[in-house]
């Protein structure tokens, strides 16, 4: 796999049983890249390991006053230099490729899971944790995958050089062969404590990130109530806790680094003292001592890879655990297998709500939260109650939505939240969404009453000749009013033209005159398509083909807007804001919050 081939056409089906299993799965999918990096790493390490031999030959040639052997040593040194430079570049290239491709695979898996779960993701996992997984954790997982091949190459060369020294000069090689395993494993007793401290640091960092993201999301509200300083103080305290945890963790890693320097230094000291004594007694030659000393010195660099892989694993394991928590989430407990897009009536067995095919159905709920949950259920994104059995799936044309693959479910039913999100870019890019092709962008914008939005965008554009569709929208549409953002999002949903469109309070941020035109435009454009709108606005309800009243999680009345006004007290309580006293039979007709009597409501609706 090359970086130019990214993204993957299919990132695969990950093993989400545990964090280590996920890392093993990633390694298996990177096997070719790992082998390539391992081979280049071995060549690089062998090239470095050859320098002591060349140095030893050169020193002994000088002692023996042999010019030919000195020239041979010089040629060998030059060859090793070329191999070291070339292999170093290639091992770095292959290792970084492994890092980037592994991180890209994880990011694609997370993006796919985010698209599958939709709004349910942040209901099941904290927003701060999602941010941490998709940014810092992806980098740490990629680091472990990248460091693994270099560690294997380093471990191999440590074994090869130790065996080579044992055969080359047993009197000193046996000391090196005994000491090397001890040096490589000396950090293991310190790793559990270092890992625990790193886990505490990451936990506190995740909480600080979550606090920051929640604060930014609610910044306007905080400014309105004067709560900025309160949350700023809370974030400062959280930030200081992260700093203290990071310092606490760094001390342990500093100790591990010190051990990796101290013990090899002690080995070198013992080697010099013992080797000098042997050379003085004539047991070994000076060149042999220089060769062994140089080899052991260079072996300290592969030993560093042991510390690196330990550190990389200790950081990547909890990161992989967090990634697994996200990747293991599912829309429902049922396995989705169907790919064909069904059509027909939309029916929710849990509430009894029926949206006949091709009709405009309005749903009235006294509780806005209940309306949001029901809208999610209709789109196949229900949030099951942990203390209750999973409710039955919503049916579309008799086919359970839970049986559909996410792509098929999204094609069949599209849910627009009451707070839709607009990404930055041009208006043309905003409307560049998968669609049936039946609705043109201009028709969708007209139905959503976006003429004034287009005019405002054109006026704000620095280029007076720029087309409205080519004007840029800031992140989340912050330069637009709430009503303008809502109508642009509605136009995008109308352009998609799904078989069934579910709208949660699509006109809550516009005035009554615009609301009436938007409702009429939506009904006209969605002719012969199934549309479900959650609203309590009489202007929208009167245009619906049928209206369903949901109370206590169950449909309690169905009819037209005018029929329900006459016959259903609970309906009037939500739509006309009637009180219990006003609903009493003996009470005189009164006006209710500018709406009027029941007769006036009917006439005006």
Protein backbone atom coordinates (compact mmCIF):
# COMPACT_ATOMS: atom_id res chain seq x y z
CA UNK A 1 0.00 0.00 0.00
CA UNK A 2 1.33 3.41 -0.99
CA UNK A 3 0.28 6.78 0.38
CA UNK A 4 -0.82 7.83 -3.10
CA UNK A 5 -3.36 4.97 -3.06
CA UNK A 6 -5.20 6.35 -0.04
CA UNK A 7 -8.02 6.30 0.92
CA UNK A 8 -8.67 2.57 1.03
CA UNK A 9 -11.52 1.35 -1.12
CA UNK A 10 -12.48 -0.82 1.88
CA UNK A 11 -10.69 -0.37 5.24
CA UNK A 12 -11.82 -3.85 6.26
CA UNK A 13 -13.75 -5.41 9.13
CA UNK A 14 -11.75 -4.74 12.32
CA UNK A 15 -11.32 -7.07 15.28
CA UNK A 16 -12.94 -5.08 18.07
CA UNK A 17 -12.82 -7.69 20.83
CA UNK A 18 -10.03 -5.79 22.61
CA UNK A 19 -7.40 -3.14 22.07
CA UNK A 20 -4.47 -5.56 21.61
CA UNK A 21 -6.49 -7.66 19.15
CA UNK A 22 -7.26 -4.50 17.20
CA UNK A 23 -3.54 -3.67 17.05
CA UNK A 24 -2.78 -7.22 15.86
CA UNK A 25 -5.47 -6.87 13.19
CA UNK A 26 -3.91 -3.63 12.02
CA UNK A 27 -0.48 -5.30 11.88
CA UNK A 28 -1.83 -8.17 9.79
CA UNK A 29 -3.33 -5.74 7.31
CA UNK A 30 0.05 -3.96 7.08
CA UNK A 31 2.08 -7.17 6.67
CA UNK A 32 3.69 -6.20 3.34
CA UNK A 33 4.66 -2.78 4.61
CA UNK A 34 5.95 -4.28 7.85
CA UNK A 35 8.12 -6.81 6.00
CA UNK A 36 9.50 -4.10 3.73
CA UNK A 37 10.34 -1.89 6.68
CA UNK A 38 11.85 -4.88 8.53
CA UNK A 39 14.17 -5.77 5.62
CA UNK A 40 15.34 -2.20 5.17
CA UNK A 41 15.80 -1.95 8.94
CA UNK A 42 17.93 -5.10 9.00
CA UNK A 43 20.10 -3.75 6.20
CA UNK A 44 20.47 -0.46 8.06
CA UNK A 45 21.34 -2.11 11.37
CA UNK A 46 23.74 -4.58 9.71
CA UNK A 47 25.48 -1.69 7.96
CA UNK A 48 25.95 0.07 11.28
CA UNK A 49 27.07 -3.16 12.94
CA UNK A 50 29.75 -3.54 10.28
CA UNK A 51 31.56 -0.35 11.31
CA UNK A 52 33.27 -1.89 14.36
CA UNK A 53 34.77 -4.57 12.14
CA UNK A 54 36.08 -1.96 9.70
CA UNK A 55 37.45 0.18 12.55
CA UNK A 56 39.08 -2.84 14.16
CA UNK A 57 40.69 -3.82 10.88
CA UNK A 58 41.97 -0.29 10.39
CA UNK A 59 43.44 -0.05 13.90
CA UNK A 60 45.12 -3.42 13.62
CA UNK A 61 46.44 -2.50 10.16
CA UNK A 62 48.05 0.62 11.62
CA UNK A 63 49.56 -1.43 14.48
CA UNK A 64 50.90 -3.97 11.98
CA UNK A 65 51.90 -1.21 9.50
CA UNK A 66 49.95 -2.93 6.68
CA UNK A 67 48.94 -0.46 3.97
CA UNK A 68 46.90 -2.99 1.96
CA UNK A 69 44.75 -3.94 4.93
CA UNK A 70 44.30 -0.27 5.81
CA UNK A 71 43.08 0.42 2.25
CA UNK A 72 40.73 -2.56 2.52
CA UNK A 73 39.36 -1.19 5.79
CA UNK A 74 38.86 2.21 4.16
CA UNK A 75 36.99 0.68 1.21
CA UNK A 76 34.81 -1.34 3.59
CA UNK A 77 34.03 1.81 5.59
CA UNK A 78 33.02 3.68 2.41
CA UNK A 79 30.75 0.81 1.31
CA UNK A 80 29.14 0.68 4.74
CA UNK A 81 28.58 4.44 4.58
CA UNK A 82 26.71 4.15 1.28
CA UNK A 83 24.59 1.25 2.56
CA UNK A 84 23.83 3.07 5.81
CA UNK A 85 22.71 6.24 4.05
CA UNK A 86 20.52 4.42 1.50
CA UNK A 87 18.96 2.01 4.00
CA UNK A 88 18.35 4.81 6.52
CA UNK A 89 16.35 6.77 3.93
CA UNK A 90 14.37 3.71 2.87
CA UNK A 91 13.61 2.48 6.39
CA UNK A 92 12.36 5.94 7.28
CA UNK A 93 10.25 6.05 4.13
CA UNK A 94 8.73 2.61 4.71
CA UNK A 95 8.15 3.22 8.42
CA UNK A 96 6.40 6.55 7.85
CA UNK A 97 4.30 4.92 5.12
CA UNK A 98 3.21 2.27 7.63
CA UNK A 99 2.36 5.00 10.12
CA UNK A 100 0.29 7.06 7.71
CA UNK A 101 -1.51 4.12 6.10
CA UNK A 102 -2.38 2.61 9.50
CA UNK A 103 -3.65 5.96 10.77
CA UNK A 104 -5.64 6.43 7.56
CA UNK A 105 -7.22 2.98 7.98
CA UNK A 106 -8.30 3.81 11.53
CA UNK A 107 -9.66 7.20 10.46
CA UNK A 108 -11.69 5.59 7.68
CA UNK A 109 -13.08 3.03 10.11
CA UNK A 110 -14.06 5.80 12.52
CA UNK A 111 -15.62 7.87 9.72
CA UNK A 112 -17.60 4.86 8.54
CA UNK A 113 -18.84 4.16 12.05
CA UNK A 114 -19.75 7.83 12.53
CA UNK A 115 -21.79 7.79 9.32
CA UNK A 116 -23.47 4.56 10.41
CA UNK A 117 -24.46 5.80 13.87
CA UNK A 118 -25.19 9.44 13.02
CA UNK A 119 -26.44 11.45 15.97
CA UNK A 120 -26.42 8.34 18.18
CA UNK A 121 -22.63 8.39 18.37
CA UNK A 122 -22.37 11.34 20.75
CA UNK A 123 -25.29 9.95 22.77
CA UNK A 124 -23.35 6.76 23.47
CA UNK A 125 -19.82 8.18 23.62
CA UNK A 126 -18.80 11.56 25.03
CA UNK A 127 -17.99 14.15 22.38
CA UNK A 128 -14.56 14.76 23.93
CA UNK A 129 -13.70 11.07 23.66
CA UNK A 130 -14.75 11.03 20.00
CA UNK A 131 -12.45 14.00 19.35
CA UNK A 132 -9.59 12.32 21.23
CA UNK A 133 -9.99 9.05 19.32
CA UNK A 134 -10.15 10.70 15.89
CA UNK A 135 -7.08 12.89 16.52
CA UNK A 136 -4.50 11.98 19.15
CA UNK A 137 -5.39 8.30 19.48
CA UNK A 138 -5.13 7.70 15.74
CA UNK A 139 -1.61 9.15 15.81
CA UNK A 140 -0.55 6.96 18.75
CA UNK A 141 -1.92 3.80 17.11
CA UNK A 142 -0.03 4.67 13.93
CA UNK A 143 3.13 5.24 15.98
CA UNK A 144 3.02 1.70 17.38
CA UNK A 145 2.48 0.18 13.93
CA UNK A 146 5.40 2.24 12.61
CA UNK A 147 7.73 1.40 15.51
CA UNK A 148 6.99 -2.34 15.43
CA UNK A 149 9.06 -3.14 12.33
CA UNK A 150 12.01 -1.07 13.52
CA UNK A 151 11.90 -2.85 16.88
CA UNK A 152 11.91 -6.26 15.19
CA UNK A 153 14.92 -5.22 13.11
CA UNK A 154 16.71 -3.92 16.22
CA UNK A 155 15.95 -7.09 18.21
CA UNK A 156 17.23 -9.24 15.34
CA UNK A 157 20.47 -7.30 15.05
CA UNK A 158 21.04 -7.47 18.82
CA UNK A 159 20.85 -11.25 18.64
CA UNK A 160 23.04 -11.43 15.53
CA UNK A 161 25.75 -9.14 16.92
CA UNK A 162 25.75 -10.88 20.31
CA UNK A 163 26.20 -14.26 18.65
CA UNK A 164 28.81 -12.78 16.30
CA UNK A 165 30.85 -11.36 19.18
CA UNK A 166 30.59 -14.65 21.05
CA UNK A 167 32.08 -16.45 18.05
CA UNK A 168 34.58 -13.68 17.21
CA UNK A 169 36.03 -13.25 20.69
CA UNK A 170 34.56 -15.62 23.30
CA UNK A 171 36.50 -14.07 26.18
CA UNK A 172 34.57 -10.80 25.79
CA UNK A 173 31.61 -12.02 23.74
CA UNK A 174 30.27 -14.12 26.61
CA UNK A 175 30.07 -11.00 28.78
CA UNK A 176 28.10 -9.20 26.07
CA UNK A 177 25.82 -12.21 25.41
CA UNK A 178 24.91 -12.43 29.09
CA UNK A 179 24.40 -8.68 29.58
CA UNK A 180 22.31 -7.90 26.48
CA UNK A 181 19.08 -9.73 27.49
CA UNK A 182 19.31 -8.12 30.92
CA UNK A 183 19.74 -4.66 29.38
CA UNK A 184 16.86 -5.18 26.96
CA UNK A 185 14.47 -6.36 29.70
CA UNK A 186 15.63 -3.98 32.43
CA UNK A 187 12.81 -1.51 31.77
CA UNK A 188 10.00 -4.08 32.07
CA UNK A 189 9.53 -3.69 35.88
CA UNK A 190 9.04 0.06 35.39
CA UNK A 191 6.53 -0.18 32.54
CA UNK A 192 3.34 -0.96 34.55
CA UNK A 193 3.78 2.15 36.71
CA UNK A 194 4.65 4.27 33.67
CA UNK A 195 1.60 2.93 31.84
CA UNK A 196 -0.72 3.73 34.75
CA UNK A 197 0.58 7.27 34.93
CA UNK A 198 0.16 7.66 31.17
CA UNK A 199 -3.43 6.36 31.45
CA UNK A 200 -4.20 8.96 34.13
CA UNK A 201 -2.75 11.68 31.92
CA UNK A 202 -4.86 10.58 28.93
CA UNK A 203 -8.01 10.33 31.06
CA UNK A 204 -7.57 13.84 32.38
CA UNK A 205 -6.70 15.08 28.90
CA UNK A 206 -9.88 13.53 27.50
CA UNK A 207 -11.99 15.22 30.17
CA UNK A 208 -10.33 18.57 29.44
CA UNK A 209 -10.99 18.11 25.72
CA UNK A 210 -14.61 17.23 26.38
CA UNK A 211 -15.00 20.30 28.61
CA UNK A 212 -13.44 22.50 25.93
CA UNK A 213 -15.65 21.12 23.13
CA UNK A 214 -18.80 21.52 25.24
CA UNK A 215 -17.79 25.08 26.14
CA UNK A 216 -17.16 26.04 22.51
CA UNK A 217 -20.46 24.47 21.43
CA UNK A 218 -22.37 26.47 24.05
CA UNK A 219 -20.33 29.67 23.83
CA UNK A 220 -23.25 31.81 22.69
CA UNK A 221 -25.40 30.62 25.57
CA UNK A 222 -22.56 31.15 28.03
CA UNK A 223 -22.10 34.71 26.83
CA UNK A 224 -25.80 35.32 27.16
CA UNK A 225 -25.89 34.27 30.81
CA UNK A 226 -22.45 35.60 31.71
CA UNK A 227 -20.98 32.17 32.37
CA UNK A 228 -17.80 32.52 30.33
CA UNK A 229 -15.54 33.15 33.32
CA UNK A 230 -17.01 30.22 35.24
CA UNK A 231 -16.26 27.76 32.46
CA UNK A 232 -12.87 29.38 31.82
CA UNK A 233 -11.93 28.76 35.46
CA UNK A 234 -13.13 25.16 35.18
CA UNK A 235 -11.03 24.62 32.07
CA UNK A 236 -7.98 26.19 33.73
CA UNK A 237 -8.30 23.77 36.65
CA UNK A 238 -8.71 20.84 34.25
CA UNK A 239 -5.72 22.05 32.23
CA UNK A 240 -3.55 22.26 35.33
CA UNK A 241 -4.55 18.73 36.30
CA UNK A 242 -3.48 17.55 32.83
CA UNK A 243 -0.16 19.38 33.22
CA UNK A 244 0.53 17.80 36.63
CA UNK A 245 -0.38 14.35 35.32
CA UNK A 246 1.90 14.87 32.30
CA UNK A 247 4.82 15.89 34.53
CA UNK A 248 4.14 12.91 36.80
CA UNK A 249 4.18 10.60 33.77
CA UNK A 250 7.27 12.23 32.26
CA UNK A 251 9.26 11.58 35.44
CA UNK A 252 8.73 7.86 35.07
CA UNK A 253 9.69 7.88 31.39
CA UNK A 254 12.76 9.93 32.29
CA UNK A 255 13.69 7.23 34.81
CA UNK A 256 13.29 4.57 32.11
CA UNK A 257 15.53 6.61 29.79
CA UNK A 258 18.10 6.99 32.56
CA UNK A 259 18.14 3.23 33.13
CA UNK A 260 18.67 2.73 29.40
CA UNK A 261 21.76 4.97 29.64
CA UNK A 262 23.13 3.88 33.03
CA UNK A 263 23.16 0.10 32.58
CA UNK A 264 24.74 0.08 29.08
CA UNK A 265 27.30 2.55 30.43
CA UNK A 266 28.12 0.14 33.23
CA UNK A 267 28.51 -2.65 30.66
CA UNK A 268 30.93 -0.56 28.61
CA UNK A 269 32.93 0.28 31.70
CA UNK A 270 33.20 -3.38 32.69
CA UNK A 271 34.04 -4.32 29.12
CA UNK A 272 36.89 -1.76 28.91
CA UNK A 273 38.38 -2.78 32.26
CA UNK A 274 38.23 -6.49 31.50
CA UNK A 275 39.32 -6.09 27.87
CA UNK A 276 42.25 -3.82 28.76
CA UNK A 277 43.48 -6.42 31.24
CA UNK A 278 43.25 -9.14 28.57
CA UNK A 279 45.04 -6.95 26.01
CA UNK A 280 47.79 -6.15 28.54
CA UNK A 281 48.31 -9.86 29.19
CA UNK A 282 48.44 -10.54 25.46
CA UNK A 283 45.30 -12.70 25.45
CA UNK A 284 43.60 -10.49 22.83
CA UNK A 285 44.85 -7.94 20.33
CA UNK A 286 44.23 -4.21 20.57
CA UNK A 287 42.21 -4.28 17.33
CA UNK A 288 39.97 -6.98 18.72
CA UNK A 289 39.30 -4.90 21.84
CA UNK A 290 38.46 -1.87 19.69
CA UNK A 291 36.15 -4.02 17.53
CA UNK A 292 34.23 -5.39 20.52
CA UNK A 293 34.05 -1.99 22.22
CA UNK A 294 32.76 -0.33 19.01
CA UNK A 295 30.21 -3.10 18.46
CA UNK A 296 28.84 -2.79 21.97
CA UNK A 297 28.72 0.99 21.66
CA UNK A 298 26.70 0.76 18.45
CA UNK A 299 24.40 -1.83 20.04
CA UNK A 300 23.18 0.88 22.37
CA UNK A 301 21.20 2.40 19.48
CA UNK A 302 19.12 -0.77 18.82
CA UNK A 303 18.54 -0.96 22.57
CA UNK A 304 16.77 2.38 22.32
CA UNK A 305 14.15 0.71 20.13
CA UNK A 306 13.21 -1.50 23.07
CA UNK A 307 12.34 1.59 25.10
CA UNK A 308 10.51 3.10 22.13
CA UNK A 309 8.33 0.05 21.45
CA UNK A 310 7.50 -0.20 25.15
CA UNK A 311 6.49 3.45 25.23
CA UNK A 312 4.60 3.19 21.93
CA UNK A 313 2.64 0.15 23.14
CA UNK A 314 1.83 1.70 26.51
CA UNK A 315 0.39 4.74 24.73
CA UNK A 316 -1.27 2.91 21.84
CA UNK A 317 -2.98 0.18 23.91
CA UNK A 318 -5.43 2.53 25.73
CA UNK A 319 -5.82 4.47 22.48
CA UNK A 320 -6.77 1.24 20.74
CA UNK A 321 -9.17 0.43 23.59
CA UNK A 322 -10.89 3.78 23.06
CA UNK A 323 -11.05 3.23 19.32
CA UNK A 324 -12.54 -0.22 19.91
CA UNK A 325 -15.24 1.25 22.15
CA UNK A 326 -16.34 3.43 19.25
CA UNK A 327 -15.90 0.86 16.48
CA UNK A 328 -17.82 -1.82 18.41
CA UNK A 329 -20.95 0.33 18.63
CA UNK A 330 -23.89 -0.74 16.46
CA UNK A 331 -27.16 0.89 15.54
CA UNK A 332 -29.08 -2.06 16.93
CA UNK A 333 -28.40 -5.52 18.24
CA UNK A 334 -29.62 -7.00 14.94
CA UNK A 335 -27.34 -7.72 12.02
CA UNK A 336 -28.12 -5.56 8.97
CA UNK A 337 -27.89 -7.53 5.72
CA UNK A 338 -30.51 -6.21 3.27
CA UNK A 339 -29.25 -3.82 0.57
CA UNK A 340 -32.40 -3.26 -1.52
CA UNK A 341 -34.20 0.02 -0.80
CA UNK A 342 -37.84 -0.70 0.11
CA UNK A 343 -40.82 1.59 -0.36
CA UNK A 344 -44.27 1.82 1.17
CA UNK A 345 -45.88 2.98 4.40
CA UNK A 346 -43.63 3.97 7.30
CA UNK A 347 -44.86 2.36 10.52
CA UNK A 348 -43.53 2.43 14.06
CA UNK A 349 -44.86 -0.54 16.09
CA UNK A 350 -43.66 1.00 19.37
CA UNK A 351 -45.86 4.10 19.13
CA UNK A 352 -48.39 3.01 16.51
CA UNK A 353 -47.43 5.92 14.23
CA UNK A 354 -48.29 5.32 10.57
CA UNK A 355 -47.11 7.55 7.72
CA UNK A 356 -48.89 6.38 4.54
CA UNK A 357 -46.83 6.29 1.37
CA UNK A 358 -47.04 9.45 -0.73
CA UNK A 359 -48.77 11.56 1.96
CA UNK A 360 -47.68 14.50 4.09
CA UNK A 361 -48.04 13.39 7.73
CA UNK A 362 -47.60 15.80 10.62
CA UNK A 363 -46.85 14.59 14.14
CA UNK A 364 -47.66 16.60 17.25
CA UNK A 365 -45.86 15.81 20.52
CA UNK A 366 -46.30 17.70 23.72
CA UNK A 367 -42.70 16.92 24.71
CA UNK A 368 -40.05 18.21 22.25
CA UNK A 369 -37.55 15.61 23.52
CA UNK A 370 -40.05 12.87 22.79
CA UNK A 371 -40.43 14.24 19.27
CA UNK A 372 -36.65 14.14 18.76
CA UNK A 373 -36.42 10.55 19.98
CA UNK A 374 -39.31 9.48 17.76
CA UNK A 375 -37.73 11.19 14.74
CA UNK A 376 -34.53 9.23 15.36
CA UNK A 377 -36.51 6.02 15.63
CA UNK A 378 -38.18 6.66 12.29
CA UNK A 379 -34.74 6.98 10.72
CA UNK A 380 -33.48 3.76 12.27
CA UNK A 381 -31.30 5.51 14.86
CA UNK A 382 -33.17 4.63 18.01
CA UNK A 383 -31.35 4.89 21.33
CA UNK A 384 -32.35 1.78 23.30
CA UNK A 385 -33.07 2.07 27.00
CA UNK A 386 -30.49 0.15 29.02
CA UNK A 387 -33.17 -1.00 31.48
CA UNK A 388 -35.75 -2.02 28.89
CA UNK A 389 -35.81 -4.55 26.06
CA UNK A 390 -34.97 -3.26 22.62
CA UNK A 391 -38.12 -1.90 20.94
CA UNK A 392 -39.28 -3.39 17.64
CA UNK A 393 -37.80 -1.92 14.49
CA UNK A 394 -39.60 0.70 12.42
CA UNK A 395 -41.05 -0.83 9.24
CA UNK A 396 -40.88 0.66 5.75
CA UNK A 397 -43.13 -1.20 3.36
CA UNK A 398 -43.14 -4.06 5.87
CA UNK A 399 -39.31 -4.28 5.90
CA UNK A 400 -37.57 -3.57 9.27
CA UNK A 401 -35.12 -0.69 8.96
CA UNK A 402 -32.78 -2.56 11.30
CA UNK A 403 -32.38 -5.21 8.59
CA UNK A 404 -31.09 -2.66 6.08
CA UNK A 405 -27.46 -1.80 5.50
CA UNK A 406 -26.74 1.81 6.56
CA UNK A 407 -26.47 3.01 2.95
CA UNK A 408 -29.85 1.49 2.05
CA UNK A 409 -31.47 2.81 5.24
CA UNK A 410 -30.21 6.36 4.54
CA UNK A 411 -31.45 6.19 0.97
CA UNK A 412 -34.88 5.06 2.14
CA UNK A 413 -35.37 7.42 5.11
CA UNK A 414 -33.64 10.74 5.69
CA UNK A 415 -34.01 12.50 9.05
CA UNK A 416 -33.28 16.21 9.38
CA UNK A 417 -32.53 17.23 12.96
CA UNK A 418 -33.99 20.34 14.50
CA UNK A 419 -30.44 21.73 14.67
CA UNK A 420 -28.90 20.77 11.31
CA UNK A 421 -25.21 21.46 10.65
CA UNK A 422 -23.83 23.39 7.67
CA UNK A 423 -20.22 22.78 6.73
CA UNK A 424 -17.95 25.52 5.44
CA UNK A 425 -17.62 25.91 1.67
CA UNK A 426 -19.67 27.27 -1.18
CA UNK A 427 -23.41 26.91 -1.42
CA UNK A 428 -22.89 24.73 -4.49
CA UNK A 429 -20.72 22.38 -2.45
CA UNK A 430 -23.33 22.34 0.31
CA UNK A 431 -25.93 21.15 -2.19
CA UNK A 432 -23.60 18.60 -3.77
CA UNK A 433 -25.21 15.62 -2.04
CA UNK A 434 -26.36 12.19 -3.22
CA UNK A 435 -29.84 12.55 -4.64
CA UNK A 436 -32.42 10.93 -6.86
CA UNK A 437 -31.90 13.59 -9.54
CA UNK A 438 -35.61 14.34 -9.60
CA UNK A 439 -35.29 17.70 -7.81
CA UNK A 440 -33.14 20.52 -9.12
CA UNK A 441 -31.20 22.74 -6.69
CA UNK A 442 -33.17 25.81 -7.76
CA UNK A 443 -36.46 24.03 -7.06
CA UNK A 444 -35.29 22.93 -3.61
CA UNK A 445 -34.08 26.45 -2.73
CA UNK A 446 -37.38 27.95 -3.92
CA UNK A 447 -39.46 25.47 -1.94
CA UNK A 448 -37.44 26.27 1.20
CA UNK A 449 -37.91 30.01 0.58
CA UNK A 450 -34.18 30.72 0.30
CA UNK A 451 -34.38 33.72 -2.03
CA UNK A 452 -33.42 36.15 0.72
CA UNK A 453 -30.59 33.83 1.77
CA UNK A 454 -29.18 33.89 -1.76
CA UNK A 455 -29.47 37.66 -1.85
CA UNK A 456 -27.69 37.98 1.50
CA UNK A 457 -24.88 35.68 0.37
CA UNK A 458 -24.45 37.58 -2.90
CA UNK A 459 -24.35 40.90 -1.04
CA UNK A 460 -21.74 39.60 1.42
CA UNK A 461 -19.53 38.19 -1.34
CA UNK A 462 -16.38 40.25 -2.12
CA UNK A 463 -16.87 39.49 -5.81
CA UNK A 464 -19.91 41.38 -7.12
CA UNK A 465 -20.09 39.13 -10.21
CA UNK A 466 -20.04 35.93 -8.18
CA UNK A 467 -23.02 33.62 -8.59
CA UNK A 468 -25.01 33.06 -5.36
CA UNK A 469 -24.30 29.32 -5.55
CA UNK A 470 -20.56 30.04 -5.63
CA UNK A 471 -20.53 32.27 -2.54
CA UNK A 472 -18.86 30.83 0.52
CA UNK A 473 -20.57 29.83 3.76
CA UNK A 474 -18.59 30.05 6.98
CA UNK A 475 -18.20 27.12 9.33
CA UNK A 476 -21.59 25.95 10.63
CA UNK A 477 -23.12 28.88 8.74
CA UNK A 478 -22.28 31.29 11.57
CA UNK A 479 -22.59 34.28 9.23
CA UNK A 480 -26.27 33.42 8.65
CA UNK A 481 -29.25 33.75 10.96
CA UNK A 482 -30.85 30.71 12.55
CA UNK A 483 -33.78 30.83 10.15
CA UNK A 484 -31.49 31.11 7.12
CA UNK A 485 -29.41 28.14 8.24
CA UNK A 486 -32.57 26.13 8.85
CA UNK A 487 -33.93 26.85 5.38
CA UNK A 488 -30.63 26.02 3.65
CA UNK A 489 -30.52 22.71 5.49
CA UNK A 490 -34.13 22.07 4.47
CA UNK A 491 -33.25 22.81 0.84
CA UNK A 492 -30.42 20.29 1.06
CA UNK A 493 -32.80 17.64 2.42
CA UNK A 494 -35.38 18.39 -0.26
CA UNK A 495 -32.70 18.11 -2.95
CA UNK A 496 -31.75 14.66 -1.68
CA UNK A 497 -35.34 13.57 -2.40
CA UNK A 498 -35.46 10.37 -0.32
CA UNK A 499 -38.38 7.98 -0.42
CA UNK A 500 -39.30 9.14 3.09
CA UNK A 501 -38.27 12.48 4.57
CA UNK A 502 -38.56 13.08 8.33
CA UNK A 503 -38.35 16.72 9.43
CA UNK A 504 -37.97 17.63 13.10
CA UNK A 505 -39.32 21.17 13.62
CA UNK A 506 -38.34 22.37 10.12
CA UNK A 507 -39.78 25.88 10.57
CA UNK A 508 -39.09 26.61 14.24
CA UNK A 509 -36.67 29.48 13.49
CA UNK A 510 -38.70 31.44 10.91
CA UNK A 511 -41.57 33.91 11.17
CA UNK A 512 -45.17 32.89 10.54
CA UNK A 513 -45.36 34.33 7.00
CA UNK A 514 -42.21 32.49 5.89
CA UNK A 515 -43.38 29.40 7.74
CA UNK A 516 -46.60 29.24 5.71
CA UNK A 517 -44.71 29.59 2.42
CA UNK A 518 -42.13 26.98 3.44
CA UNK A 519 -44.84 24.49 4.42
CA UNK A 520 -46.64 25.00 1.12
CA UNK A 521 -43.38 24.67 -0.82
CA UNK A 522 -42.42 21.44 0.92
CA UNK A 523 -45.83 19.89 0.30
CA UNK A 524 -45.81 20.87 -3.36
CA UNK A 525 -42.29 19.59 -3.97
CA UNK A 526 -42.87 16.34 -2.07
CA UNK A 527 -45.97 15.34 -4.00
CA UNK A 528 -46.24 11.54 -4.19
CA UNK A 529 -43.39 11.23 -1.68
CA UNK A 530 -43.73 10.28 1.99
CA UNK A 531 -43.06 13.20 4.31
CA UNK A 532 -43.24 13.26 8.11
CA UNK A 533 -42.95 16.61 9.91
CA UNK A 534 -42.80 17.03 13.69
CA UNK A 535 -44.34 20.39 14.51
CA UNK A 536 -46.98 22.14 16.58
CA UNK A 537 -47.46 25.04 14.18
CA UNK A 538 -51.08 25.40 12.97
CA UNK A 539 -49.82 26.81 9.67
CA UNK A 540 -47.93 23.62 8.88
CA UNK A 541 -50.45 21.25 10.45
CA UNK A 542 -53.30 22.56 8.33
CA UNK A 543 -51.42 21.70 5.15
CA UNK A 544 -50.73 18.10 6.23
CA UNK A 545 -52.81 15.29 4.73
CA UNK A 546 -53.10 13.71 8.16
CA UNK A 547 -52.03 14.64 11.67
CA UNK A 548 -51.08 12.23 14.46
CA UNK A 549 -51.06 13.21 18.13
CA UNK A 550 -48.49 11.39 20.27
CA UNK A 551 -48.93 11.43 24.04
CA UNK A 552 -46.98 9.31 26.49
CA UNK A 553 -45.12 7.54 23.71
CA UNK A 554 -48.27 6.38 21.92
CA UNK A 555 -50.42 7.73 19.09
CA UNK A 556 -53.70 8.70 20.75
CA UNK A 557 -55.49 10.48 17.92
CA UNK A 558 -55.32 10.73 14.13
CA UNK A 559 -57.16 13.03 11.77
CA UNK A 560 -56.85 16.34 10.00
CA UNK A 561 -55.81 19.48 11.80
CA UNK A 562 -59.35 20.88 11.92
CA UNK A 563 -60.90 17.60 13.00
CA UNK A 564 -58.49 17.27 15.92
CA UNK A 565 -59.06 20.89 16.95
CA UNK A 566 -62.76 20.18 17.29
CA UNK A 567 -62.58 16.77 18.91
CA UNK A 568 -59.33 16.37 20.85
CA UNK A 569 -58.64 18.41 23.99
CA UNK A 570 -55.05 17.23 24.30
CA UNK A 571 -54.39 18.34 20.74
CA UNK A 572 -55.75 21.81 21.46
CA UNK A 573 -53.61 21.98 24.59
CA UNK A 574 -50.47 21.61 22.48
CA UNK A 575 -51.43 23.47 19.29
CA UNK A 576 -53.73 26.22 20.61
CA UNK A 577 -52.15 26.41 24.10
CA UNK A 578 -55.52 25.79 25.79
CA UNK A 579 -55.52 25.38 29.57
CA UNK A 580 -57.72 23.00 31.54
CA UNK A 581 -60.09 25.81 32.50
CA UNK A 582 -60.36 26.97 28.90
CA UNK A 583 -61.18 23.43 27.78
CA UNK A 584 -64.11 23.20 30.21
CA UNK A 585 -67.46 22.91 28.33
CA UNK A 586 -69.03 25.82 30.18
CA UNK A 587 -66.17 28.19 29.57
CA UNK A 588 -66.74 31.10 27.21
CA UNK A 589 -64.65 31.30 24.03
CA UNK A 590 -61.46 33.26 24.64
CA UNK A 591 -58.42 34.22 22.68
CA UNK A 592 -55.32 32.16 23.42
CA UNK A 593 -51.96 33.87 23.06
CA UNK A 594 -52.84 35.69 19.88
CA UNK A 595 -54.34 32.62 18.21
CA UNK A 596 -58.05 33.28 18.96
CA UNK A 597 -61.00 31.07 19.72
CA UNK A 598 -61.29 27.56 18.34
CA UNK A 599 -63.45 28.84 15.48
CA UNK A 600 -60.93 31.60 14.74
CA UNK A 601 -58.11 29.09 14.85
CA UNK A 602 -59.89 27.01 12.24
CA UNK A 603 -60.62 30.03 10.06
CA UNK A 604 -57.09 31.39 10.26
CA UNK A 605 -55.53 27.95 9.79
